[in-house]
Protein backbone atom coordinates (compact mmCIF):
# COMPACT_ATOMS: atom_id res chain seq x y z
CA UNK A 1 -6.80 13.47 -3.56
CA UNK A 2 -4.45 12.69 -0.13
CA UNK A 3 -4.12 16.41 0.50
CA UNK A 4 -7.95 17.02 -0.05
CA UNK A 5 -8.89 14.25 2.68
CA UNK A 6 -6.06 15.65 4.95
CA UNK A 7 -7.78 18.90 4.84
CA UNK A 8 -10.99 17.95 5.07
CA UNK A 9 -10.96 14.96 7.80
CA UNK A 10 -9.32 14.61 11.35
CA UNK A 11 -7.88 11.42 10.17
CA UNK A 12 -6.55 9.60 7.08
CA UNK A 13 -4.72 6.60 6.69
CA UNK A 14 -3.07 5.86 3.51
CA UNK A 15 -1.66 2.58 2.02
CA UNK A 16 0.93 0.86 1.72
CA UNK A 17 1.57 1.82 5.48
CA UNK A 18 5.56 1.48 5.46
CA UNK A 19 4.96 0.78 9.27
CA UNK A 20 3.51 4.01 10.51
CA UNK A 21 0.33 2.83 12.00
CA UNK A 22 -1.67 1.22 13.45
CA UNK A 23 -1.48 3.24 16.82
CA UNK A 24 -5.36 3.54 17.49
CA UNK A 25 -8.26 1.23 17.79
CA UNK A 26 -9.84 2.89 14.47
CA UNK A 27 -6.49 2.54 12.86
CA UNK A 28 -6.22 -1.04 13.61
CA UNK A 29 -10.13 -1.56 12.29
CA UNK A 30 -9.27 0.21 9.46
CA UNK A 31 -6.29 -2.04 8.55
CA UNK A 32 -8.19 -5.06 9.26
CA UNK A 33 -10.65 -3.98 7.01
CA UNK A 34 -8.42 -2.98 4.05
CA UNK A 35 -6.70 -6.27 4.66
CA UNK A 36 -10.07 -8.02 4.47
CA UNK A 37 -11.03 -6.33 1.19
CA UNK A 38 -7.37 -7.02 -0.63
CA UNK A 39 -7.36 -11.00 0.34
CA UNK A 40 -11.31 -11.06 -0.78
CA UNK A 41 -9.98 -10.55 -4.39
CA UNK A 42 -7.83 -13.08 -6.38
CA UNK A 43 -4.40 -13.29 -5.43
CA UNK A 44 -2.90 -11.83 -8.74
CA UNK A 45 -4.67 -8.48 -8.05
CA UNK A 46 -2.07 -7.91 -4.75
CA UNK A 47 0.35 -10.31 -5.64
CA UNK A 48 3.97 -8.99 -4.87
CA UNK A 49 2.60 -5.34 -4.10
CA UNK A 50 2.83 -3.44 -0.61
CA UNK A 51 0.00 -4.09 1.46
CA UNK A 52 -2.80 -2.27 1.08
CA UNK A 53 -2.10 -1.62 -2.50
CA UNK A 54 -3.89 -3.50 -5.96
CA UNK A 55 -3.64 -3.67 -9.31
CA UNK A 56 -6.85 -2.14 -11.02
CA UNK A 57 -7.85 -2.00 -14.67
CA UNK A 58 -9.61 1.83 -13.42
CA UNK A 59 -6.33 3.32 -12.76
CA UNK A 60 -4.34 4.82 -15.64
CA UNK A 61 -1.42 2.94 -16.86
CA UNK A 62 0.83 5.55 -17.76
CA UNK A 63 1.17 7.89 -14.86
CA UNK A 64 4.22 10.00 -16.25
CA UNK A 65 6.36 12.35 -14.05
CA UNK A 66 4.04 15.04 -13.76
CA UNK A 67 2.10 13.60 -10.60
CA UNK A 68 5.45 12.80 -8.86
CA UNK A 69 6.78 16.42 -9.05
CA UNK A 70 3.07 17.53 -8.16
CA UNK A 71 3.69 15.19 -4.87
CA UNK A 72 6.91 16.77 -4.33
CA UNK A 73 6.08 20.33 -4.50
CA UNK A 74 3.17 19.41 -1.95
CA UNK A 75 5.88 17.61 -0.11
CA UNK A 76 7.98 20.56 0.46
CA UNK A 77 5.04 22.72 1.08
CA UNK A 78 3.84 20.64 4.05
CA UNK A 79 0.49 19.89 2.33
CA UNK A 80 1.46 16.09 2.40
CA UNK A 81 3.62 14.04 4.56
CA UNK A 82 6.98 12.68 3.10
CA UNK A 83 5.75 9.41 3.61
CA UNK A 84 2.65 10.28 1.49
CA UNK A 85 4.94 11.13 -0.80
CA UNK A 86 6.73 8.25 -0.77
CA UNK A 87 3.54 6.13 -0.93
CA UNK A 88 2.65 8.28 -4.21
CA UNK A 89 5.48 7.22 -6.03
CA UNK A 90 4.95 3.25 -5.06
CA UNK A 91 1.55 3.73 -6.51
CA UNK A 92 2.50 5.61 -9.69
CA UNK A 93 5.76 3.40 -10.53
CA UNK A 94 3.36 0.51 -11.18
CA UNK A 95 1.08 -0.02 -13.73
CA UNK A 96 -2.51 0.23 -13.24
CA UNK A 97 -2.02 0.54 -8.98
CA UNK A 98 -4.44 1.92 -6.33
CA UNK A 99 -3.68 2.51 -3.16
CA UNK A 100 -5.96 2.59 -0.03
CA UNK A 101 -7.34 5.79 1.32
CA UNK A 102 -9.73 5.82 4.32
CA UNK A 103 -10.46 8.84 6.18
CA UNK A 104 -13.04 9.91 8.90
CA UNK A 105 -13.72 12.35 11.93
């Protein structure tokens, strides 16, 4: 999903941010939007998670290592960034966790 968004859109912001942004007005606006979206949910849905991630029953509980290997290969071939791989590891390392991804042109 991250690779496809980076291919289709000029800009993509993927959470957790790990301090990568915001650098532009658009990125500030997206960060604010994600913040407001997250805090509009009960604290239990994001407590102890990195900014921009939430617990979600719609994401598989058992992720396995296959996706982590795919992420590593995509990073090694330049299809995703090192921070993208780190974010993927973070999200997949938790049960029922999702990270926000926002793209625009």
